[in-house]
PDB file of N, CA and C in Angstrom:
ATOM      1  N   MET A   1       5.329  69.863-100.228  1.00  0.00           N
ATOM      2  CA  MET A   1       3.777  69.771 -99.966  1.00  0.00           C
ATOM      3  C   MET A   1       3.566  69.383-101.643  1.00  0.00           C
ATOM      4  N   GLU A   2       3.613  70.413-102.580  1.00  0.00           N
ATOM      5  CA  GLU A   2       3.247  69.473-103.839  1.00  0.00           C
ATOM      6  C   GLU A   2       3.710  68.892-104.974  1.00  0.00           C
ATOM      7  N   ASP A   3       5.179  68.056-104.144  1.00  0.00           N
ATOM      8  CA  ASP A   3       5.703  66.794-104.057  1.00  0.00           C
ATOM      9  C   ASP A   3       4.821  65.790-103.964  1.00  0.00           C
ATOM     10  N   ARG A   4       4.186  65.685-102.566  1.00  0.00           N
ATOM     11  CA  ARG A   4       3.452  65.049-102.247  1.00  0.00           C
ATOM     12  C   ARG A   4       1.940  64.891-102.840  1.00  0.00           C
ATOM     13  N   ARG A   5       1.232  66.292-103.164  1.00  0.00           N
ATOM     14  CA  ARG A   5       0.152  66.234-103.935  1.00  0.00           C
ATOM     15  C   ARG A   5       0.386  65.385-105.316  1.00  0.00           C
ATOM     16  N   ALA A   6       1.475  65.857-105.797  1.00  0.00           N
ATOM     17  CA  ALA A   6       1.676  65.179-107.230  1.00  0.00           C
ATOM     18  C   ALA A   6       1.507  63.691-107.467  1.00  0.00           C
ATOM     19  N   ILE A   7       2.498  63.269-106.267  1.00  0.00           N
ATOM     20  CA  ILE A   7       2.526  61.806-106.038  1.00  0.00           C
ATOM     21  C   ILE A   7       1.276  61.083-105.892  1.00  0.00           C
ATOM     22  N   LYS A   8       0.382  61.816-105.041  1.00  0.00           N
ATOM     23  CA  LYS A   8      -1.067  61.139-104.568  1.00  0.00           C
ATOM     24  C   LYS A   8      -2.072  61.241-105.898  1.00  0.00           C
ATOM     25  N   GLU A   9      -1.953  62.310-106.782  1.00  0.00           N
ATOM     26  CA  GLU A   9      -2.773  62.271-107.507  1.00  0.00           C
ATOM     27  C   GLU A   9      -2.468  61.222-108.667  1.00  0.00           C
ATOM     28  N   ALA A  10      -0.911  61.409-108.784  1.00  0.00           N
ATOM     29  CA  ALA A  10      -0.444  59.922-109.896  1.00  0.00           C
ATOM     30  C   ALA A  10      -0.729  58.680-109.236  1.00  0.00           C
ATOM     31  N   PHE A  11      -1.008  58.580-108.055  1.00  0.00           N
ATOM     32  CA  PHE A  11      -0.980  57.241-107.793  1.00  0.00           C
ATOM     33  C   PHE A  11      -2.563  56.972-107.650  1.00  0.00           C
ATOM     34  N   LEU A  12      -3.126  57.699-107.450  1.00  0.00           N
ATOM     35  CA  LEU A  12      -4.655  57.553-107.676  1.00  0.00           C
ATOM     36  C   LEU A  12      -5.357  57.577-108.893  1.00  0.00           C
ATOM     37  N   LYS A  13      -4.666  57.870-109.543  1.00  0.00           N
ATOM     38  CA  LYS A  13      -4.930  57.764-111.603  1.00  0.00           C
ATOM     39  C   LYS A  13      -4.305  56.308-111.841  1.00  0.00           C
ATOM     40  N   LEU A  14      -3.331  55.755-111.228  1.00  0.00           N
ATOM     41  CA  LEU A  14      -2.812  54.561-111.904  1.00  0.00           C
ATOM     42  C   LEU A  14      -4.155  53.510-110.870  1.00  0.00           C
ATOM     43  N   LEU A  15      -4.188  54.057-109.666  1.00  0.00           N
ATOM     44  CA  LEU A  15      -4.923  52.892-108.679  1.00  0.00           C
ATOM     45  C   LEU A  15      -6.341  52.664-109.785  1.00  0.00           C
ATOM     46  N   GLN A  16      -6.953  53.300-110.579  1.00  0.00           N
ATOM     47  CA  GLN A  16      -8.121  53.534-111.193  1.00  0.00           C
ATOM     48  C   GLN A  16      -7.725  52.622-112.339  1.00  0.00           C
ATOM     49  N   GLU A  17      -6.302  52.475-112.935  1.00  0.00           N
ATOM     50  CA  GLU A  17      -6.278  51.306-114.006  1.00  0.00           C
ATOM     51  C   GLU A  17      -5.743  50.322-113.509  1.00  0.00           C
ATOM     52  N   LYS A  18      -5.311  49.920-112.337  1.00  0.00           N
ATOM     53  CA  LYS A  18      -4.063  48.981-112.184  1.00  0.00           C
ATOM     54  C   LYS A  18      -4.747  48.681-111.067  1.00  0.00           C
ATOM     55  N   ASP A  19      -4.480  47.473-110.252  1.00  0.00           N
ATOM     56  CA  ASP A  19      -4.465  46.774-108.919  1.00  0.00           C
ATOM     57  C   ASP A  19      -2.887  47.304-108.203  1.00  0.00           C
ATOM     58  N   ILE A  20      -3.260  47.455-107.309  1.00  0.00           N
ATOM     59  CA  ILE A  20      -1.879  47.994-106.132  1.00  0.00           C
ATOM     60  C   ILE A  20      -0.790  47.580-106.346  1.00  0.00           C
ATOM     61  N   ASN A  21      -0.786  45.873-106.197  1.00  0.00           N
ATOM     62  CA  ASN A  21       0.032  45.445-106.453  1.00  0.00           C
ATOM     63  C   ASN A  21       1.083  45.420-107.610  1.00  0.00           C
ATOM     64  N   LYS A  22       0.278  46.354-108.820  1.00  0.00           N
ATOM     65  CA  LYS A  22       1.031  46.456-110.224  1.00  0.00           C
ATOM     66  C   LYS A  22       1.707  47.602-110.181  1.00  0.00           C
ATOM     67  N   ILE A  23       1.550  48.403-109.284  1.00  0.00           N
ATOM     68  CA  ILE A  23       2.096  49.957-109.458  1.00  0.00           C
ATOM     69  C   ILE A  23       3.463  50.169-108.759  1.00  0.00           C
ATOM     70  N   THR A  24       4.263  50.681-109.630  1.00  0.00           N
ATOM     71  CA  THR A  24       5.985  50.873-109.206  1.00  0.00           C
ATOM     72  C   THR A  24       5.618  52.101-109.009  1.00  0.00           C
ATOM     73  N   VAL A  25       7.178  52.300-107.994  1.00  0.00           N
ATOM     74  CA  VAL A  25       7.256  53.802-108.068  1.00  0.00           C
ATOM     75  C   VAL A  25       7.810  54.313-109.445  1.00  0.00           C
ATOM     76  N   SER A  26       8.519  53.844-110.277  1.00  0.00           N
ATOM     77  CA  SER A  26       8.652  54.330-111.130  1.00  0.00           C
ATOM     78  C   SER A  26       7.266  54.919-112.359  1.00  0.00           C
ATOM     79  N   ASP A  27       6.252  53.800-112.172  1.00  0.00           N
ATOM     80  CA  ASP A  27       5.043  54.242-112.517  1.00  0.00           C
ATOM     81  C   ASP A  27       4.853  55.707-112.132  1.00  0.00           C
ATOM     82  N   LEU A  28       4.925  55.877-110.635  1.00  0.00           N
ATOM     83  CA  LEU A  28       4.681  57.477-110.461  1.00  0.00           C
ATOM     84  C   LEU A  28       5.361  58.505-111.470  1.00  0.00           C
ATOM     85  N   GLY A  29       6.536  58.434-111.656  1.00  0.00           N
ATOM     86  CA  GLY A  29       7.304  59.538-112.247  1.00  0.00           C
ATOM     87  C   GLY A  29       7.947  60.488-111.273  1.00  0.00           C
ATOM     88  N   ARG A  30       8.360  60.197-110.361  1.00  0.00           N
ATOM     89  CA  ARG A  30       8.689  61.120-109.359  1.00  0.00           C
ATOM     90  C   ARG A  30       9.842  60.375-108.381  1.00  0.00           C
ATOM     91  N   VAL A  31      10.791  61.288-108.871  1.00  0.00           N
ATOM     92  CA  VAL A  31      12.099  61.281-108.184  1.00  0.00           C
ATOM     93  C   VAL A  31      12.232  61.490-106.485  1.00  0.00           C
ATOM     94  N   THR A  32      11.279  62.198-106.060  1.00  0.00           N
ATOM     95  CA  THR A  32      11.409  62.588-104.805  1.00  0.00           C
ATOM     96  C   THR A  32      10.526  61.326-103.996  1.00  0.00           C
ATOM     97  N   PHE A  33       9.855  60.753-104.538  1.00  0.00           N
ATOM     98  CA  PHE A  33       9.087  59.484-103.756  1.00  0.00           C
ATOM     99  C   PHE A  33       9.672  58.962-102.475  1.00  0.00           C
ATOM    100  N   TYR A  34      10.770  58.634-102.480  1.00  0.00           N
ATOM    101  CA  TYR A  34      11.223  58.125-101.295  1.00  0.00           C
ATOM    102  C   TYR A  34      11.375  59.473-100.257  1.00  0.00           C
ATOM    103  N   LEU A  35      11.366  60.316-100.777  1.00  0.00           N
ATOM    104  CA  LEU A  35      11.574  61.666 -99.534  1.00  0.00           C
ATOM    105  C   LEU A  35      10.048  61.672 -98.723  1.00  0.00           C
ATOM    106  N   HIS A  36       9.132  60.914 -99.097  1.00  0.00           N
ATOM    107  CA  HIS A  36       7.887  61.367 -98.234  1.00  0.00           C
ATOM    108  C   HIS A  36       7.272  59.703 -98.007  1.00  0.00           C
ATOM    109  N   TYR A  37       7.545  58.472 -98.687  1.00  0.00           N
ATOM    110  CA  TYR A  37       7.088  57.810 -98.653  1.00  0.00           C
ATOM    111  C   TYR A  37       7.926  55.963 -98.860  1.00  0.00           C
ATOM    112  N   LYS A  38       8.050  55.119 -97.978  1.00  0.00           N
ATOM    113  CA  LYS A  38       8.483  53.996 -97.615  1.00  0.00           C
ATOM    114  C   LYS A  38       8.421  53.208 -99.090  1.00  0.00           C
ATOM    115  N   ASP A  39       7.607  52.930 -99.179  1.00  0.00           N
ATOM    116  CA  ASP A  39       6.741  52.375-100.694  1.00  0.00           C
ATOM    117  C   ASP A  39       5.385  52.394-100.902  1.00  0.00           C
ATOM    118  N   ILE A  40       4.802  51.840-102.324  1.00  0.00           N
ATOM    119  CA  ILE A  40       3.581  52.276-102.364  1.00  0.00           C
ATOM    120  C   ILE A  40       2.611  52.289-101.733  1.00  0.00           C
ATOM    121  N   PHE A  41       2.584  51.019-100.893  1.00  0.00           N
ATOM    122  CA  PHE A  41       1.882  50.643 -99.795  1.00  0.00           C
ATOM    123  C   PHE A  41       1.628  51.561 -99.057  1.00  0.00           C
ATOM    124  N   ASP A  42       2.821  52.071 -97.930  1.00  0.00           N
ATOM    125  CA  ASP A  42       3.169  53.071 -97.216  1.00  0.00           C
ATOM    126  C   ASP A  42       2.391  54.731 -97.826  1.00  0.00           C
ATOM    127  N   LEU A  43       2.088  54.881 -98.994  1.00  0.00           N
ATOM    128  CA  LEU A  43       1.572  55.962-100.022  1.00  0.00           C
ATOM    129  C   LEU A  43       0.128  55.491 -99.651  1.00  0.00           C
ATOM    130  N   ASP A  44      -0.335  54.310 -99.959  1.00  0.00           N
ATOM    131  CA  ASP A  44      -1.799  54.256 -99.915  1.00  0.00           C
ATOM    132  C   ASP A  44      -2.415  54.087 -98.339  1.00  0.00           C
ATOM    133  N   GLU A  45      -1.372  53.762 -97.588  1.00  0.00           N
ATOM    134  CA  GLU A  45      -1.881  53.429 -96.127  1.00  0.00           C
ATOM    135  C   GLU A  45      -2.049  55.032 -95.353  1.00  0.00           C
ATOM    136  N   GLN A  46      -1.180  56.159 -96.144  1.00  0.00           N
ATOM    137  CA  GLN A  46      -1.141  57.325 -95.533  1.00  0.00           C
ATOM    138  C   GLN A  46      -2.171  58.189 -96.184  1.00  0.00           C
ATOM    139  N   ILE A  47      -2.403  57.846 -97.297  1.00  0.00           N
ATOM    140  CA  ILE A  47      -3.964  58.443 -98.146  1.00  0.00           C
ATOM    141  C   ILE A  47      -5.146  57.664 -97.108  1.00  0.00           C
ATOM    142  N   GLU A  48      -5.264  56.381 -96.711  1.00  0.00           N
ATOM    143  CA  GLU A  48      -6.332  56.289 -96.128  1.00  0.00           C
ATOM    144  C   GLU A  48      -6.158  56.795 -95.002  1.00  0.00           C
ATOM    145  N   ASN A  49      -5.128  57.118 -93.839  1.00  0.00           N
ATOM    146  CA  ASN A  49      -5.220  57.027 -92.763  1.00  0.00           C
ATOM    147  C   ASN A  49      -5.287  58.939 -92.823  1.00  0.00           C
ATOM    148  N   GLU A  50      -5.208  60.106 -94.005  1.00  0.00           N
ATOM    149  CA  GLU A  50      -5.871  61.081 -93.961  1.00  0.00           C
ATOM    150  C   GLU A  50      -7.230  60.675 -94.168  1.00  0.00           C
ATOM    151  N   LEU A  51      -7.841  60.462 -95.189  1.00  0.00           N
ATOM    152  CA  LEU A  51      -9.464  60.464 -94.657  1.00  0.00           C
ATOM    153  C   LEU A  51      -9.889  60.056 -93.655  1.00  0.00           C
ATOM    154  N   PHE A  52      -9.367  58.776 -92.949  1.00  0.00           N
ATOM    155  CA  PHE A  52     -10.422  58.336 -91.918  1.00  0.00           C
ATOM    156  C   PHE A  52      -9.756  59.334 -90.745  1.00  0.00           C
ATOM    157  N   ASP A  53      -8.592  59.873 -90.674  1.00  0.00           N
ATOM    158  CA  ASP A  53      -8.131  60.994 -89.468  1.00  0.00           C
ATOM    159  C   ASP A  53      -9.347  62.296 -90.042  1.00  0.00           C
ATOM    160  N   GLN A  54      -9.557  62.729 -90.795  1.00  0.00           N
ATOM    161  CA  GLN A  54     -10.479  63.803 -91.367  1.00  0.00           C
ATOM    162  C   GLN A  54     -11.980  63.544 -90.670  1.00  0.00           C
ATOM    163  N   LEU A  55     -12.488  62.036 -91.175  1.00  0.00           N
ATOM    164  CA  LEU A  55     -13.938  61.715 -90.628  1.00  0.00           C
ATOM    165  C   LEU A  55     -13.935  61.760 -89.262  1.00  0.00           C
ATOM    166  N   GLY A  56     -12.896  61.298 -88.902  1.00  0.00           N
ATOM    167  CA  GLY A  56     -12.875  61.319 -87.308  1.00  0.00           C
ATOM    168  C   GLY A  56     -12.996  62.857 -86.529  1.00  0.00           C
ATOM    169  N   SER A  57     -12.183  63.471 -87.333  1.00  0.00           N
ATOM    170  CA  SER A  57     -12.380  64.780 -86.713  1.00  0.00           C
ATOM    171  C   SER A  57     -13.633  65.568 -86.774  1.00  0.00           C
ATOM    172  N   PHE A  58     -14.904  65.384 -87.695  1.00  0.00           N
ATOM    173  CA  PHE A  58     -15.782  65.336 -88.113  1.00  0.00           C
ATOM    174  C   PHE A  58     -16.849  64.723 -86.611  1.00  0.00           C
ATOM    175  N   TYR A  59     -16.195  63.747 -86.459  1.00  0.00           N
ATOM    176  CA  TYR A  59     -16.797  63.145 -85.127  1.00  0.00           C
ATOM    177  C   TYR A  59     -16.670  63.613 -83.892  1.00  0.00           C
ATOM    178  N   ASP A  60     -15.282  63.677 -84.179  1.00  0.00           N
ATOM    179  CA  ASP A  60     -15.099  64.814 -82.498  1.00  0.00           C
ATOM    180  C   ASP A  60     -15.616  66.123 -82.474  1.00  0.00           C
ATOM    181  N   ALA A  61     -15.672  66.409 -83.448  1.00  0.00           N
ATOM    182  CA  ALA A  61     -16.215  68.058 -83.327  1.00  0.00           C
ATOM    183  C   ALA A  61     -17.783  67.880 -82.893  1.00  0.00           C
ATOM    184  N   SER A  62     -18.482  67.295 -83.061  1.00  0.00           N
ATOM    185  CA  SER A  62     -19.831  67.052 -83.335  1.00  0.00           C
ATOM    186  C   SER A  62     -20.535  66.557 -81.761  1.00  0.00           C
ATOM    187  N   PHE A  63     -19.623  65.218 -81.326  1.00  0.00           N
ATOM    188  CA  PHE A  63     -19.734  64.873 -80.454  1.00  0.00           C
ATOM    189  C   PHE A  63     -19.221  64.978 -79.277  1.00  0.00           C
ATOM    190  N   PRO A  64     -19.606  64.489 -77.764  1.00  0.00           N
ATOM    191  CA  PRO A  64     -20.515  64.210 -77.437  1.00  0.00           C
ATOM    192  C   PRO A  64     -21.166  65.850 -77.289  1.00  0.00           C
ATOM    193  N   SER A  65     -22.455  65.606 -77.651  1.00  0.00           N
ATOM    194  CA  SER A  65     -23.518  66.807 -77.544  1.00  0.00           C
ATOM    195  C   SER A  65     -25.198  66.365 -77.325  1.00  0.00           C
ATOM    196  N   ASP A  66     -25.653  67.575 -76.565  1.00  0.00           N
ATOM    197  CA  ASP A  66     -27.014  67.012 -76.213  1.00  0.00           C
ATOM    198  C   ASP A  66     -27.592  67.577 -77.483  1.00  0.00           C
ATOM    199  N   ASP A  67     -27.628  68.415 -78.270  1.00  0.00           N
ATOM    200  CA  ASP A  67     -28.350  68.841 -79.321  1.00  0.00           C
ATOM    201  C   ASP A  67     -28.188  67.887 -80.202  1.00  0.00           C
ATOM    202  N   PRO A  68     -29.777  67.446 -80.555  1.00  0.00           N
ATOM    203  CA  PRO A  68     -30.217  66.632 -81.606  1.00  0.00           C
ATOM    204  C   PRO A  68     -29.759  66.865 -82.840  1.00  0.00           C
ATOM    205  N   LEU A  69     -29.378  67.997 -83.191  1.00  0.00           N
ATOM    206  CA  LEU A  69     -28.990  68.394 -84.638  1.00  0.00           C
ATOM    207  C   LEU A  69     -27.288  68.173 -84.591  1.00  0.00           C
ATOM    208  N   SER A  70     -26.620  67.661 -83.900  1.00  0.00           N
ATOM    209  CA  SER A  70     -25.252  67.523 -83.818  1.00  0.00           C
ATOM    210  C   SER A  70     -25.599  66.358 -84.510  1.00  0.00           C
ATOM    211  N   MET A  71     -26.162  65.185 -84.693  1.00  0.00           N
ATOM    212  CA  MET A  71     -26.092  64.425 -85.553  1.00  0.00           C
ATOM    213  C   MET A  71     -26.260  64.372 -86.957  1.00  0.00           C
ATOM    214  N   LEU A  72     -27.333  65.433 -87.124  1.00  0.00           N
ATOM    215  CA  LEU A  72     -27.532  65.693 -88.655  1.00  0.00           C
ATOM    216  C   LEU A  72     -26.240  66.837 -89.185  1.00  0.00           C
ATOM    217  N   ALA A  73     -25.793  67.549 -88.013  1.00  0.00           N
ATOM    218  CA  ALA A  73     -24.426  68.445 -88.887  1.00  0.00           C
ATOM    219  C   ALA A  73     -23.442  67.406 -89.023  1.00  0.00           C
ATOM    220  N   PHE A  74     -23.430  66.296 -88.239  1.00  0.00           N
ATOM    221  CA  PHE A  74     -21.857  65.355 -88.399  1.00  0.00           C
ATOM    222  C   PHE A  74     -22.274  64.672 -89.963  1.00  0.00           C
ATOM    223  N   ILE A  75     -23.554  64.019 -90.136  1.00  0.00           N
ATOM    224  CA  ILE A  75     -24.008  63.387 -91.277  1.00  0.00           C
ATOM    225  C   ILE A  75     -23.861  64.678 -92.336  1.00  0.00           C
ATOM    226  N   GLU A  76     -24.159  65.786 -92.357  1.00  0.00           N
ATOM    227  CA  GLU A  76     -23.922  66.479 -93.453  1.00  0.00           C
ATOM    228  C   GLU A  76     -22.568  66.277 -93.549  1.00  0.00           C
ATOM    229  N   LYS A  77     -21.804  66.718 -92.871  1.00  0.00           N
ATOM    230  CA  LYS A  77     -20.082  66.827 -92.939  1.00  0.00           C
ATOM    231  C   LYS A  77     -19.349  65.807 -93.584  1.00  0.00           C
ATOM    232  N   MET A  78     -20.321  64.314 -92.928  1.00  0.00           N
ATOM    233  CA  MET A  78     -19.562  63.073 -93.820  1.00  0.00           C
ATOM    234  C   MET A  78     -20.057  62.907 -94.974  1.00  0.00           C
ATOM    235  N   THR A  79     -21.245  63.567 -95.244  1.00  0.00           N
ATOM    236  CA  THR A  79     -21.802  63.468 -96.676  1.00  0.00           C
ATOM    237  C   THR A  79     -20.817  63.983 -97.896  1.00  0.00           C
ATOM    238  N   GLU A  80     -20.902  65.295 -97.029  1.00  0.00           N
ATOM    239  CA  GLU A  80     -19.909  66.258 -98.185  1.00  0.00           C
ATOM    240  C   GLU A  80     -18.394  66.034 -98.168  1.00  0.00           C
ATOM    241  N   TYR A  81     -17.997  65.521 -97.680  1.00  0.00           N
ATOM    242  CA  TYR A  81     -16.675  64.886 -97.502  1.00  0.00           C
ATOM    243  C   TYR A  81     -16.570  63.630 -98.457  1.00  0.00           C
ATOM    244  N   ILE A  82     -17.301  63.181 -97.989  1.00  0.00           N
ATOM    245  CA  ILE A  82     -17.342  61.641 -99.168  1.00  0.00           C
ATOM    246  C   ILE A  82     -17.299  62.371-100.614  1.00  0.00           C
ATOM    247  N   TYR A  83     -18.669  62.764-100.392  1.00  0.00           N
ATOM    248  CA  TYR A  83     -18.689  63.563-102.100  1.00  0.00           C
ATOM    249  C   TYR A  83     -17.661  64.268-102.925  1.00  0.00           C
ATOM    250  N   GLN A  84     -17.006  64.766-101.713  1.00  0.00           N
ATOM    251  CA  GLN A  84     -15.751  65.775-102.551  1.00  0.00           C
ATOM    252  C   GLN A  84     -14.887  64.782-103.017  1.00  0.00           C
ATOM    253  N   ASN A  85     -14.506  63.876-102.119  1.00  0.00           N
ATOM    254  CA  ASN A  85     -13.793  62.961-102.381  1.00  0.00           C
ATOM    255  C   ASN A  85     -13.983  61.493-102.750  1.00  0.00           C
ATOM    256  N   ALA A  86     -15.211  61.340-103.655  1.00  0.00           N
ATOM    257  CA  ALA A  86     -15.874  59.927-104.160  1.00  0.00           C
ATOM    258  C   ALA A  86     -14.944  59.233-105.060  1.00  0.00           C
ATOM    259  N   GLU A  87     -14.095  59.696-105.638  1.00  0.00           N
ATOM    260  CA  GLU A  87     -12.908  58.985-106.467  1.00  0.00           C
ATOM    261  C   GLU A  87     -12.227  57.936-105.691  1.00  0.00           C
ATOM    262  N   ILE A  88     -11.375  58.957-104.644  1.00  0.00           N
ATOM    263  CA  ILE A  88     -10.670  58.291-103.531  1.00  0.00           C
ATOM    264  C   ILE A  88     -11.446  56.873-102.898  1.00  0.00           C
ATOM    265  N   PHE A  89     -12.879  57.604-102.356  1.00  0.00           N
ATOM    266  CA  PHE A  89     -13.431  56.361-101.600  1.00  0.00           C
ATOM    267  C   PHE A  89     -14.065  55.332-102.605  1.00  0.00           C
ATOM    268  N   THR A  90     -14.188  55.698-103.524  1.00  0.00           N
ATOM    269  CA  THR A  90     -14.409  54.590-104.471  1.00  0.00           C
ATOM    270  C   THR A  90     -13.397  53.055-104.872  1.00  0.00           C
ATOM    271  N   LEU A  91     -12.445  53.869-104.678  1.00  0.00           N
ATOM    272  CA  LEU A  91     -11.193  53.167-104.979  1.00  0.00           C
ATOM    273  C   LEU A  91     -10.996  52.479-103.365  1.00  0.00           C
ATOM    274  N   LEU A  92     -11.311  53.179-102.818  1.00  0.00           N
ATOM    275  CA  LEU A  92     -10.655  52.322-101.131  1.00  0.00           C
ATOM    276  C   LEU A  92     -11.694  51.467-101.300  1.00  0.00           C
ATOM    277  N   THR A  93     -12.870  51.354-101.507  1.00  0.00           N
ATOM    278  CA  THR A  93     -14.130  49.995-101.219  1.00  0.00           C
ATOM    279  C   THR A  93     -13.819  49.245-102.649  1.00  0.00           C
ATOM    280  N   LYS A  94     -13.133  49.320-103.255  1.00  0.00           N
ATOM    281  CA  LYS A  94     -13.044  48.089-104.658  1.00  0.00           C
ATOM    282  C   LYS A  94     -13.462  46.730-103.983  1.00  0.00           C
ATOM    283  N   PRO A  95     -13.582  45.846-104.607  1.00  0.00           N
ATOM    284  CA  PRO A  95     -14.033  44.665-104.325  1.00  0.00           C
ATOM    285  C   PRO A  95     -12.661  44.001-103.719  1.00  0.00           C
ATOM    286  N   LYS A  96     -11.360  44.469-104.868  1.00  0.00           N
ATOM    287  CA  LYS A  96      -9.906  43.689-104.548  1.00  0.00           C
ATOM    288  C   LYS A  96      -9.639  44.361-103.378  1.00  0.00           C
ATOM    289  N   ARG A  97     -10.051  44.941-102.495  1.00  0.00           N
ATOM    290  CA  ARG A  97      -9.192  46.317-101.609  1.00  0.00           C
ATOM    291  C   ARG A  97      -8.775  45.247-100.535  1.00  0.00           C
ATOM    292  N   ASN A  98      -7.912  45.439 -99.872  1.00  0.00           N
ATOM    293  CA  ASN A  98      -7.572  44.643 -98.728  1.00  0.00           C
ATOM    294  C   ASN A  98      -8.493  44.897 -97.414  1.00  0.00           C
ATOM    295  N   ILE A  99      -8.592  44.002 -96.807  1.00  0.00           N
ATOM    296  CA  ILE A  99      -9.324  43.820 -95.635  1.00  0.00           C
ATOM    297  C   ILE A  99      -9.188  44.777 -94.685  1.00  0.00           C
ATOM    298  N   VAL A 100      -8.250  45.739 -94.795  1.00  0.00           N
ATOM    299  CA  VAL A 100      -7.808  46.844 -93.543  1.00  0.00           C
ATOM    300  C   VAL A 100      -8.693  47.784 -93.878  1.00  0.00           C
ATOM    301  N   THR A 101      -8.865  48.317 -94.985  1.00  0.00           N
ATOM    302  CA  THR A 101     -10.049  49.444 -95.231  1.00  0.00           C
ATOM    303  C   THR A 101     -10.999  49.146 -94.946  1.00  0.00           C
ATOM    304  N   ILE A 102     -11.344  47.993 -95.309  1.00  0.00           N
ATOM    305  CA  ILE A 102     -13.134  47.394 -94.819  1.00  0.00           C
ATOM    306  C   ILE A 102     -13.275  47.843 -93.009  1.00  0.00           C
ATOM    307  N   GLU A 103     -12.478  47.031 -92.573  1.00  0.00           N
ATOM    308  CA  GLU A 103     -12.223  47.336 -90.956  1.00  0.00           C
ATOM    309  C   GLU A 103     -12.111  48.438 -90.273  1.00  0.00           C
ATOM    310  N   LYS A 104     -11.392  49.692 -91.214  1.00  0.00           N
ATOM    311  CA  LYS A 104     -11.213  50.976 -90.605  1.00  0.00           C
ATOM    312  C   LYS A 104     -12.823  51.554 -90.859  1.00  0.00           C
ATOM    313  N   PHE A 105     -12.964  51.250 -92.201  1.00  0.00           N
ATOM    314  CA  PHE A 105     -14.595  51.806 -92.192  1.00  0.00           C
ATOM    315  C   PHE A 105     -15.545  51.367 -90.469  1.00  0.00           C
ATOM    316  N   LYS A 106     -15.757  50.438 -90.499  1.00  0.00           N
ATOM    317  CA  LYS A 106     -16.496  49.570 -89.530  1.00  0.00           C
ATOM    318  C   LYS A 106     -15.961  50.520 -88.258  1.00  0.00           C
ATOM    319  N   ASP A 107     -14.516  50.077 -88.206  1.00  0.00           N
ATOM    320  CA  ASP A 107     -14.587  50.900 -86.841  1.00  0.00           C
ATOM    321  C   ASP A 107     -14.805  52.288 -86.544  1.00  0.00           C
ATOM    322  N   LEU A 108     -14.840  53.021 -87.835  1.00  0.00           N
ATOM    323  CA  LEU A 108     -15.281  54.614 -87.661  1.00  0.00           C
ATOM    324  C   LEU A 108     -16.612  54.572 -87.426  1.00  0.00           C
TER     325      LEU A 108
END
Protein backbone atom coordinates (compact mmCIF):
# COMPACT_ATOMS: atom_id res chain seq x y z
CA MET A 1 0.00 0.00 0.00
CA GLU A 2 2.89 2.35 0.77
CA ASP A 3 4.33 1.74 -2.71
CA ARG A 4 1.04 2.57 -4.39
CA ARG A 5 0.73 5.83 -2.48
CA ALA A 6 4.31 6.81 -3.31
CA ILE A 7 3.74 6.00 -6.98
CA LYS A 8 0.53 8.05 -7.07
CA GLU A 9 2.17 11.01 -5.35
CA ALA A 10 5.14 10.95 -7.73
CA PHE A 11 2.80 10.65 -10.71
CA LEU A 12 0.62 13.56 -9.60
CA LYS A 13 3.70 15.70 -9.03
CA LEU A 14 4.98 14.90 -12.51
CA LEU A 15 1.54 15.51 -14.00
CA GLN A 16 1.75 19.10 -12.76
CA GLU A 17 4.87 19.59 -14.86
CA LYS A 18 4.37 17.28 -17.85
CA ASP A 19 1.68 16.02 -20.15
CA ILE A 20 0.69 12.43 -19.37
CA ASN A 21 2.10 11.29 -22.71
CA LYS A 22 5.53 12.51 -21.63
CA ILE A 23 5.61 10.68 -18.28
CA THR A 24 7.44 7.36 -18.14
CA VAL A 25 7.60 4.69 -15.50
CA SER A 26 11.30 5.45 -15.02
CA ASP A 27 10.33 9.07 -14.21
CA LEU A 28 8.48 7.69 -11.18
CA GLY A 29 11.59 5.91 -9.92
CA ARG A 30 9.61 2.97 -8.58
CA VAL A 31 10.74 -0.57 -9.35
CA THR A 32 7.46 -1.90 -7.97
CA PHE A 33 5.32 0.02 -10.47
CA TYR A 34 4.39 -3.01 -12.56
CA LEU A 35 3.26 -4.93 -9.50
CA HIS A 36 0.36 -2.49 -9.26
CA TYR A 37 -0.24 -0.98 -12.71
CA LYS A 38 -0.03 -2.01 -16.37
CA ASP A 39 1.25 1.36 -17.54
CA ILE A 40 1.01 5.09 -16.87
CA PHE A 41 -2.48 5.25 -18.34
CA ASP A 42 -3.66 2.44 -16.07
CA LEU A 43 -2.35 4.39 -13.06
CA ASP A 44 -4.13 7.51 -14.29
CA GLU A 45 -7.38 5.61 -14.80
CA GLN A 46 -7.20 3.98 -11.37
CA ILE A 47 -6.71 7.37 -9.70
CA GLU A 48 -9.72 8.73 -11.59
CA ASN A 49 -11.82 5.70 -10.71
CA GLU A 50 -10.99 6.01 -7.01
CA LEU A 51 -12.11 9.64 -7.02
CA PHE A 52 -15.31 8.96 -8.90
CA ASP A 53 -16.08 5.90 -6.77
CA GLN A 54 -15.78 8.06 -3.66
CA LEU A 55 -18.02 10.75 -5.12
CA GLY A 56 -20.53 8.06 -6.10
CA SER A 57 -20.50 6.65 -2.59
CA PHE A 58 -21.45 10.08 -1.23
CA TYR A 59 -24.42 10.09 -3.56
CA ASP A 60 -25.41 6.53 -2.64
CA ALA A 61 -25.23 7.37 1.07
CA SER A 62 -27.45 10.42 0.63
CA PHE A 63 -30.16 9.22 -1.76
CA PRO A 64 -32.92 8.27 -2.07
CA SER A 65 -34.21 10.25 0.83
CA ASP A 66 -37.31 12.22 1.74
CA ASP A 67 -35.27 14.53 3.95
CA PRO A 68 -34.63 17.84 2.14
CA LEU A 69 -31.40 18.18 4.12
CA SER A 70 -29.98 15.14 2.33
CA MET A 71 -29.17 17.29 -0.68
CA LEU A 72 -27.36 19.78 1.51
CA ALA A 73 -25.40 17.02 3.26
CA PHE A 74 -24.49 15.53 -0.11
CA ILE A 75 -23.28 18.87 -1.46
CA GLU A 76 -21.25 19.50 1.70
CA LYS A 77 -19.58 16.07 1.48
CA MET A 78 -18.79 16.54 -2.21
CA THR A 79 -17.46 20.05 -1.71
CA GLU A 80 -15.27 19.00 1.21
CA TYR A 81 -13.90 16.02 -0.71
CA ILE A 82 -13.13 18.11 -3.78
CA TYR A 83 -11.52 20.78 -1.59
CA GLN A 84 -9.36 18.16 0.18
CA ASN A 85 -8.32 16.77 -3.20
CA ALA A 86 -8.17 20.06 -5.08
CA GLU A 87 -4.77 19.34 -6.58
CA ILE A 88 -5.96 16.09 -8.15
CA PHE A 89 -9.23 17.58 -9.38
CA THR A 90 -7.33 20.50 -10.90
CA LEU A 91 -5.13 18.06 -12.79
CA LEU A 92 -8.17 16.06 -13.92
CA THR A 93 -9.85 19.13 -15.36
CA LYS A 94 -6.87 20.52 -17.26
CA PRO A 95 -7.82 21.65 -20.78
CA LYS A 96 -5.56 19.03 -22.41
CA ARG A 97 -7.16 16.26 -20.38
CA ASN A 98 -8.85 13.44 -22.25
CA ILE A 99 -12.58 13.56 -22.91
CA VAL A 100 -13.23 10.45 -20.78
CA THR A 101 -12.69 12.37 -17.55
CA ILE A 102 -15.06 15.11 -18.62
CA GLU A 103 -17.67 12.50 -19.51
CA LYS A 104 -17.22 10.86 -16.09
CA PHE A 105 -17.96 14.20 -14.44
CA LYS A 106 -21.07 14.60 -16.55
CA ASP A 107 -22.25 11.07 -15.78
CA LEU A 108 -21.76 11.61 -12.05
